[in-house]
Protein backbone atom coordinates (compact mmCIF):
# COMPACT_ATOMS: atom_id res chain seq x y z
CA MET A 1 -47.51 -25.48 -0.67
CA LYS A 2 -50.91 -23.84 -1.03
CA THR A 3 -50.82 -24.43 -4.81
CA TYR A 4 -49.95 -28.08 -4.20
CA ARG A 5 -52.97 -28.50 -1.93
CA LEU A 6 -55.31 -26.82 -4.39
CA VAL A 7 -54.13 -29.03 -7.26
CA ALA A 8 -54.39 -32.13 -5.09
CA ALA A 9 -57.88 -31.09 -3.96
CA ALA A 10 -58.99 -30.61 -7.57
CA LEU A 11 -57.68 -34.04 -8.59
CA LEU A 12 -59.29 -35.76 -5.61
CA SER A 13 -62.64 -34.03 -6.21
CA ALA A 14 -62.55 -35.15 -9.86
CA PHE A 15 -61.84 -38.72 -8.74
CA ALA A 16 -64.67 -38.53 -6.21
CA PHE A 17 -67.04 -37.35 -8.93
CA LEU A 18 -66.08 -40.29 -11.14
CA LEU A 19 -66.95 -42.59 -8.26
CA GLN A 20 -70.27 -40.77 -7.99
CA LEU A 21 -71.04 -41.30 -11.68
CA TYR A 22 -70.35 -45.03 -11.43
CA ASN A 23 -71.75 -45.69 -7.97
CA ASP A 24 -74.44 -47.89 -9.50
CA VAL A 25 -71.64 -50.23 -10.63
CA ILE A 26 -69.47 -50.31 -7.50
CA GLY A 27 -72.07 -49.23 -4.94
CA ILE A 28 -74.68 -51.05 -2.86
CA PRO A 29 -78.26 -49.78 -3.33
CA THR A 30 -80.18 -49.49 -0.07
CA GLY A 31 -83.68 -49.55 -1.55
CA PHE A 32 -84.73 -46.04 -0.53
CA GLY A 33 -82.65 -43.86 -2.84
CA MET A 34 -79.30 -43.98 -1.04
CA THR A 35 -76.34 -45.94 -2.43
CA VAL A 36 -73.46 -47.04 -0.22
CA ASP A 37 -70.50 -46.04 -2.37
CA LEU A 38 -66.88 -44.89 -2.26
CA VAL A 39 -67.48 -41.23 -3.12
CA GLY A 40 -66.46 -40.01 0.33
CA VAL A 41 -63.12 -41.85 0.31
CA PRO A 42 -61.19 -39.12 -1.60
CA VAL A 43 -62.60 -36.50 0.80
CA LEU A 44 -61.42 -38.44 3.85
CA LEU A 45 -58.11 -39.17 2.15
CA ALA A 46 -57.64 -35.45 1.56
CA PHE A 47 -58.26 -34.86 5.25
CA PHE A 48 -55.80 -37.49 6.48
CA VAL A 49 -53.06 -36.44 4.05
CA LEU A 50 -53.60 -32.69 3.53
CA GLY A 51 -55.77 -31.50 6.42
CA TYR A 52 -59.23 -30.16 7.10
CA GLU A 53 -59.12 -27.16 4.75
CA ALA A 54 -58.08 -29.27 1.75
CA ALA A 55 -60.79 -31.85 2.54
CA LEU A 56 -63.35 -29.05 2.69
CA TYR A 57 -62.22 -27.85 -0.76
CA VAL A 58 -62.64 -31.38 -2.15
CA LEU A 59 -66.11 -31.65 -0.65
CA VAL A 60 -67.23 -28.27 -1.99
CA LEU A 61 -65.93 -29.02 -5.50
CA LEU A 62 -67.57 -32.44 -5.41
CA ALA A 63 -70.91 -30.91 -4.41
CA LEU A 64 -70.72 -28.42 -7.28
CA LEU A 65 -69.93 -31.18 -9.78
CA ILE A 66 -72.84 -33.30 -8.52
CA THR A 67 -75.18 -30.30 -8.74
CA PHE A 68 -74.47 -29.56 -12.38
CA ALA A 69 -73.54 -32.95 -13.84
CA SER A 70 -75.25 -35.69 -11.84
CA PRO A 71 -78.85 -36.97 -12.13
CA THR A 72 -79.36 -36.39 -8.40
CA SER A 73 -78.72 -32.65 -8.96
CA TYR A 74 -78.74 -30.26 -6.01
CA ILE A 75 -80.58 -32.68 -3.69
CA GLY A 76 -77.84 -35.29 -4.04
CA ALA A 77 -75.17 -32.60 -3.76
CA ILE A 78 -76.58 -31.21 -0.52
CA MET A 79 -76.97 -34.64 1.04
CA LYS A 80 -73.52 -35.85 -0.03
CA PHE A 81 -71.94 -32.66 1.29
CA ALA A 82 -73.82 -32.70 4.57
CA ALA A 83 -73.50 -36.44 5.23
CA THR A 84 -69.74 -36.39 4.61
CA LEU A 85 -69.12 -33.19 6.57
CA PRO A 86 -69.30 -34.81 10.05
CA MET A 87 -66.69 -37.34 8.94
CA ILE A 88 -64.09 -34.54 8.70
CA LEU A 89 -65.52 -32.20 11.35
CA VAL A 90 -65.16 -34.66 14.22
CA PRO A 91 -61.53 -35.72 13.55
CA SER A 92 -60.58 -32.07 12.99
CA LEU A 93 -62.14 -31.12 16.31
CA TYR A 94 -60.32 -34.01 17.94
CA LEU A 95 -56.91 -32.91 16.62
CA ILE A 96 -57.46 -29.30 17.66
CA ALA A 97 -58.70 -30.34 21.09
CA ARG A 98 -55.63 -32.51 21.65
CA LYS A 99 -53.32 -29.68 20.63
CA ARG A 100 -55.08 -27.19 22.88
CA LYS A 101 -54.75 -29.74 25.67
CA MET A 102 -58.49 -30.03 26.22
CA ASN A 103 -59.09 -33.05 28.42
CA ALA A 104 -61.38 -35.86 27.38
CA THR A 105 -64.24 -34.57 29.54
CA GLN A 106 -64.18 -31.09 27.96
CA TRP A 107 -64.00 -32.49 24.43
CA LEU A 108 -66.80 -34.97 25.08
CA ALA A 109 -68.94 -32.22 26.61
CA LEU A 110 -68.52 -30.08 23.50
CA PHE A 111 -69.48 -32.96 21.24
CA LEU A 112 -72.47 -33.88 23.41
CA LEU A 113 -73.64 -30.28 23.23
CA VAL A 114 -73.80 -30.52 19.44
CA LEU A 115 -75.68 -33.82 19.69
CA ALA A 116 -78.06 -32.30 22.26
CA VAL A 117 -78.90 -29.42 19.91
CA LEU A 118 -79.69 -31.91 17.12
CA GLY A 119 -81.64 -34.08 19.54
CA VAL A 120 -83.79 -31.20 20.76
CA PHE A 121 -84.35 -30.15 17.17
CA PHE A 122 -85.46 -33.66 16.26
CA ALA A 123 -87.84 -33.76 19.23
CA PHE A 124 -89.60 -30.60 18.06
CA SER A 125 -89.11 -31.10 14.33
CA GLY A 126 -92.70 -32.24 13.82
CA TYR A 127 -94.04 -28.94 15.14
CA LEU A 128 -91.48 -27.03 13.07
CA TYR A 129 -92.53 -28.95 9.97
CA GLN A 130 -96.19 -28.06 10.48
CA TYR A 131 -95.31 -24.41 11.10
CA ALA A 132 -93.05 -24.22 8.03
CA SER A 133 -95.73 -25.85 5.87
CA LEU A 134 -98.20 -23.15 6.91
CA GLN A 135 -95.76 -20.26 6.59
CA PHE A 136 -94.08 -21.31 3.34
CA GLU A 137 -97.02 -22.64 1.34
CA GLY A 138 -96.46 -26.31 2.05
CA ASN A 139 -92.67 -26.20 1.80
CA GLY A 140 -92.10 -27.88 5.14
CA PHE A 141 -89.02 -29.58 3.70
CA LEU A 142 -87.12 -26.41 4.61
CA VAL A 143 -87.03 -27.79 8.17
CA GLY A 144 -84.71 -30.54 6.94
CA LEU A 145 -82.18 -27.91 5.87
CA LEU A 146 -81.81 -26.42 9.36
CA PRO A 147 -79.38 -29.08 10.67
CA PHE A 148 -77.42 -28.67 7.44
CA LEU A 149 -77.14 -24.93 8.06
CA LEU A 150 -76.03 -25.65 11.63
CA LEU A 151 -73.24 -27.91 10.39
CA LEU A 152 -72.32 -25.38 7.73
CA VAL A 153 -71.88 -22.61 10.30
CA PHE A 154 -69.90 -24.94 12.55
CA SER A 155 -67.66 -26.01 9.66
CA TYR A 156 -66.85 -22.36 8.88
CA VAL A 157 -66.00 -21.60 12.51
CA LEU A 158 -63.83 -24.70 12.66
CA LEU A 159 -62.09 -23.65 9.45
CA ARG A 160 -61.10 -20.35 11.06
CA VAL A 161 -59.79 -22.18 14.12
CA TRP A 162 -58.00 -24.77 11.96
CA ARG A 163 -56.14 -22.11 10.02
CA SER A 164 -54.77 -20.65 13.24
CA HIS A 165 -53.62 -24.07 14.50
CA GLU A 166 -52.77 -25.82 11.23
CA ASN A 167 -49.03 -25.82 11.84
CA ASP A 168 -49.48 -27.25 15.32
CA VAL A 169 -51.98 -30.08 14.90
CA GLU A 170 -50.66 -33.60 14.61
CA PRO A 171 -52.65 -35.66 12.05
CA ALA A 172 -50.39 -38.64 12.78
CA ARG A 173 -52.30 -39.09 16.05
CA LEU A 174 -55.07 -40.59 13.94
CA SER A 175 -52.70 -43.27 12.64
CA PHE A 176 -53.28 -45.11 15.94
CA TRP A 177 -56.33 -47.32 15.55
CA GLN A 178 -57.55 -46.54 19.09
CA ASN A 179 -57.79 -42.80 18.34
CA ALA A 180 -59.22 -43.41 14.88
CA SER A 181 -61.88 -45.77 16.27
CA LEU A 182 -63.04 -43.23 18.84
CA VAL A 183 -63.25 -40.48 16.24
CA LEU A 184 -65.06 -42.77 13.80
CA ALA A 185 -67.66 -43.77 16.39
CA LEU A 186 -68.47 -40.16 17.24
CA ALA A 187 -68.47 -39.10 13.58
CA VAL A 188 -70.95 -41.77 12.46
CA LEU A 189 -73.17 -40.95 15.44
CA LEU A 190 -73.32 -37.29 14.40
CA ARG A 191 -73.78 -38.26 10.77
CA GLY A 192 -76.57 -40.68 11.59
CA ILE A 193 -78.60 -38.17 13.62
CA PHE A 194 -78.26 -35.52 10.96
CA THR A 195 -79.13 -37.75 8.01
CA VAL A 196 -82.24 -39.10 9.74
CA ILE A 197 -83.59 -35.54 10.07
CA ALA A 198 -82.45 -34.36 6.64
CA ASN A 199 -83.74 -37.42 4.78
CA PHE A 200 -87.12 -37.44 6.49
CA TYR A 201 -87.92 -33.75 6.07
CA PHE A 202 -85.86 -32.71 3.05
CA ALA A 203 -84.19 -35.17 0.69
CA GLY A 204 -86.73 -38.01 0.68
CA PRO A 205 -89.96 -36.00 0.30
CA LEU A 206 -88.42 -33.59 -2.21
CA PHE A 207 -86.74 -36.24 -4.37
CA PHE A 208 -89.71 -38.63 -4.48
CA LYS A 209 -92.33 -35.85 -4.31
CA VAL A 210 -94.17 -37.40 -1.37
CA SER A 211 -94.95 -36.42 2.21
CA PRO A 212 -92.50 -37.30 5.01
CA ALA A 213 -94.96 -39.92 6.31
CA ALA A 214 -95.19 -41.55 2.88
CA PHE A 215 -91.40 -41.49 2.57
CA ALA A 216 -91.06 -43.14 6.00
CA GLY A 217 -93.35 -45.94 4.87
CA PHE A 218 -91.32 -46.35 1.70
CA VAL A 219 -88.08 -46.60 3.71
CA GLU A 220 -89.56 -49.22 6.04
CA SER A 221 -90.37 -51.36 3.01
CA ALA A 222 -86.60 -51.76 2.42
CA PRO A 223 -85.60 -54.37 5.07
CA LEU A 224 -82.17 -54.26 6.68
CA PRO A 225 -79.82 -57.19 5.97
CA PHE A 226 -79.83 -59.65 8.90
CA PHE A 227 -82.43 -57.52 10.75
CA GLY A 228 -85.45 -57.54 8.45
CA ALA A 229 -88.09 -54.82 8.61
CA SER A 230 -87.14 -51.90 10.86
CA ALA A 231 -88.32 -48.42 11.76
CA TRP A 232 -87.48 -45.88 9.05
CA TYR A 233 -85.03 -43.97 11.23
CA TRP A 234 -83.04 -47.12 12.00
CA VAL A 235 -82.84 -47.94 8.30
CA ILE A 236 -81.42 -44.49 7.48
CA PHE A 237 -79.10 -44.52 10.51
CA PHE A 238 -77.85 -48.05 9.75
CA TRP A 239 -76.92 -47.41 6.12
CA ASN A 240 -75.26 -44.09 6.92
CA THR A 241 -73.24 -45.83 9.62
CA VAL A 242 -72.15 -48.46 7.10
CA GLN A 243 -71.29 -45.71 4.61
CA GLY A 244 -69.29 -43.76 7.18
CA ILE A 245 -67.31 -46.80 8.31
CA VAL A 246 -66.50 -47.88 4.74
CA GLU A 247 -65.23 -44.49 3.56
CA PHE A 248 -63.34 -43.72 6.78
CA ALA A 249 -61.69 -47.14 6.98
CA LEU A 250 -60.58 -47.19 3.33
CA ALA A 251 -59.18 -43.65 3.48
CA TRP A 252 -57.43 -44.44 6.79
CA LEU A 253 -55.81 -47.55 5.32
CA LEU A 254 -54.61 -45.65 2.24
CA ALA A 255 -53.26 -42.76 4.30
CA PHE A 256 -51.51 -44.59 7.12
CA LYS A 257 -51.05 -48.25 6.17
CA PHE A 258 -50.14 -47.57 2.53
CA ARG A 259 -48.11 -44.53 3.71
CA LEU A 260 -49.73 -41.89 1.50
CA PHE A 261 -49.59 -39.57 4.52
CA GLU A 262 -45.79 -39.91 4.65
CA LYS A 263 -45.34 -39.54 0.89
CA TYR A 264 -47.75 -36.73 0.08
CA GLY A 265 -48.60 -35.07 3.39
CA ALA A 266 -48.29 -31.29 3.38
């Protein structure tokens, strides 16, 4: 069974990379460097059908392929990895919490704690950026990597917990649209907060070789559809919400409505 999952993960990561290469054809450019595409769909599909560990393998392999064979290089790889990670972290946490009979209040408190940590970080990120710029010879963009490292540590801890509960969790719980909608809402919220911080301090300034302030102005020059000009953080949050909904919904439909979960679930 482990070999089956590894082979399936390799195939799905290769498919995801093909979607990455052609995202300019089937994607929607946002105007500030991000493209709303389907690259995350195979990762989410791996989660729904094969579980959290397999989805993590797909995401890691995809990030490596983007690093060495995509024009966006390591910046695109880090952002794709980190932006997609909440989309499998939150549903995994939900399934484990349900199996361990955590009530809704306890589960929500745990999630809000993670959001609070990111919120506090965002509140003081300006001071951290100035400090990092002084300490690391102008490389304040390192501040943008701190939320990524937080998610990385959390994903590893969750992987250890998942392995000990893998035979007990019930992925079919997510086949109910009510459960899936709740998980999706929390996942895009976490994703949105993270990507605002990471884009402002890390990806945007490093990719375009400008300051965070200049990048924010550039983002605000890309108006939102139906909303017009908006603050830079709303632009980033909006498009990442759209991206999260698209990839989650398509993967969910393939897994549960087209019965891939029943046919290929392991």
